[in-house]
C-alpha atoms as a PDB file:
ATOM      1  CA  MET A   1      86.500 116.347  99.490  1.00  0.00           C
ATOM      2  CA  SER A   2      87.397 116.341  95.832  1.00  0.00           C
ATOM      3  CA  LYS A   3      87.496 113.197  93.756  1.00  0.00           C
ATOM      4  CA  ALA A   4      90.852 112.248  92.310  1.00  0.00           C
ATOM      5  CA  PRO A   5      90.885 111.543  88.579  1.00  0.00           C
ATOM      6  CA  GLN A   6      90.973 107.891  87.565  1.00  0.00           C
ATOM      7  CA  PHE A   7      94.405 106.601  86.609  1.00  0.00           C
ATOM      8  CA  PRO A   8      95.640 103.169  85.557  1.00  0.00           C
ATOM      9  CA  PRO A   9      97.445 101.248  88.344  1.00  0.00           C
ATOM     10  CA  GLU A  10     100.876 101.963  86.815  1.00  0.00           C
ATOM     11  CA  GLN A  11     100.294 105.716  86.934  1.00  0.00           C
ATOM     12  CA  ILE A  12      98.906 105.528  90.477  1.00  0.00           C
ATOM     13  CA  SER A  13     102.097 103.745  91.506  1.00  0.00           C
ATOM     14  CA  ASP A  14     104.206 106.438  89.821  1.00  0.00           C
ATOM     15  CA  ILE A  15     102.240 109.249  91.478  1.00  0.00           C
ATOM     16  CA  VAL A  16     102.539 107.609  94.908  1.00  0.00           C
ATOM     17  CA  GLN A  17     106.295 107.140  94.453  1.00  0.00           C
ATOM     18  CA  MET A  18     106.677 110.767  93.394  1.00  0.00           C
ATOM     19  CA  ALA A  19     104.593 112.002  96.325  1.00  0.00           C
ATOM     20  CA  LEU A  20     106.600 109.900  98.784  1.00  0.00           C
ATOM     21  CA  SER A  21     109.851 111.320  97.432  1.00  0.00           C
ATOM     22  CA  ASP A  22     111.310 114.301  99.261  1.00  0.00           C
ATOM     23  CA  HIS A  23     112.713 115.598  95.977  1.00  0.00           C
ATOM     24  CA  VAL A  24     109.500 115.891  93.926  1.00  0.00           C
ATOM     25  CA  SER A  25     107.100 118.775  94.469  1.00  0.00           C
ATOM     26  CA  PHE A  26     103.327 118.762  94.096  1.00  0.00           C
ATOM     27  CA  ALA A  27     103.819 121.214  91.211  1.00  0.00           C
ATOM     28  CA  THR A  28     105.940 118.639  89.383  1.00  0.00           C
ATOM     29  CA  ILE A  29     103.295 115.968  89.900  1.00  0.00           C
ATOM     30  CA  GLN A  30     100.617 118.343  88.612  1.00  0.00           C
ATOM     31  CA  ALA A  31     102.687 119.246  85.550  1.00  0.00           C
ATOM     32  CA  GLU A  32     103.279 115.599  84.683  1.00  0.00           C
ATOM     33  CA  TYR A  33      99.884 114.065  85.539  1.00  0.00           C
ATOM     34  CA  GLY A  34      97.495 117.017  85.780  1.00  0.00           C
ATOM     35  CA  ILE A  35      96.490 116.130  89.337  1.00  0.00           C
ATOM     36  CA  ARG A  36      96.211 118.875  91.972  1.00  0.00           C
ATOM     37  CA  GLU A  37      97.790 118.729  95.440  1.00  0.00           C
ATOM     38  CA  LYS A  38      94.389 118.133  97.040  1.00  0.00           C
ATOM     39  CA  ASP A  39      93.754 115.200  94.705  1.00  0.00           C
ATOM     40  CA  VAL A  40      97.220 113.750  95.368  1.00  0.00           C
ATOM     41  CA  LYS A  41      96.370 113.727  99.067  1.00  0.00           C
ATOM     42  CA  VAL A  42      93.056 111.965  98.353  1.00  0.00           C
ATOM     43  CA  LEU A  43      94.851 109.401  96.180  1.00  0.00           C
ATOM     44  CA  MET A  44      97.494 108.842  98.853  1.00  0.00           C
ATOM     45  CA  ARG A  45      94.827 108.380 101.515  1.00  0.00           C
ATOM     46  CA  LYS A  46      93.100 105.733  99.389  1.00  0.00           C
ATOM     47  CA  THR A  47      96.326 103.985  98.400  1.00  0.00           C
ATOM     48  CA  LEU A  48      98.419 103.928 101.575  1.00  0.00           C
ATOM     49  CA  LYS A  49      97.671 102.267 104.879  1.00  0.00           C
ATOM     50  CA  ARG A  50      96.311 104.700 107.456  1.00  0.00           C
ATOM     51  CA  GLY A  51      99.533 104.853 109.487  1.00  0.00           C
ATOM     52  CA  SER A  52     101.657 105.286 106.368  1.00  0.00           C
ATOM     53  CA  TYR A  53      99.436 108.105 105.151  1.00  0.00           C
ATOM     54  CA  GLN A  54      99.587 109.880 108.519  1.00  0.00           C
ATOM     55  CA  THR A  55     103.380 109.542 108.648  1.00  0.00           C
ATOM     56  CA  TRP A  56     103.671 110.923 105.106  1.00  0.00           C
ATOM     57  CA  ARG A  57     101.402 113.895 105.875  1.00  0.00           C
ATOM     58  CA  LYS A  58     103.362 114.669 109.047  1.00  0.00           C
ATOM     59  CA  ARG A  59     106.652 114.548 107.123  1.00  0.00           C
ATOM     60  CA  VAL A  60     105.329 116.822 104.366  1.00  0.00           C
ATOM     61  CA  ARG A  61     103.915 119.238 106.955  1.00  0.00           C
ATOM     62  CA  ASP A  62     107.140 119.264 109.024  1.00  0.00           C
ATOM     63  CA  PHE A  63     109.360 119.788 105.976  1.00  0.00           C
ATOM     64  CA  SER A  64     107.156 122.567 104.648  1.00  0.00           C
ATOM     65  CA  ASP A  65     107.445 124.359 107.991  1.00  0.00           C
ATOM     66  CA  ARG A  66     111.250 124.204 107.777  1.00  0.00           C
ATOM     67  CA  ARG A  67     111.628 125.095 104.093  1.00  0.00           C
ATOM     68  CA  ASP A  68     110.057 127.891 102.112  1.00  0.00           C
ATOM     69  CA  SER A  69     109.354 125.661  99.163  1.00  0.00           C
ATOM     70  CA  TYR A  70     108.691 122.019  99.846  1.00  0.00           C
ATOM     71  CA  LYS A  71     106.035 120.024  98.084  1.00  0.00           C
END
């Protein structure tokens, strides 16, 4: 598992909000913060409660199956 870069709490909050949004892609997060999709997932796992993380991952996975380009 890769280690997510260290960010100040304000940026972590922004990244989490962006990742939770259905309208922001992982590419957008990477362009703005330089953090890869794999590292976003690690950050989300550390930041969110277990159930919240699992729900988020399921939603991202389900949406990506239905759309060609999601996250």
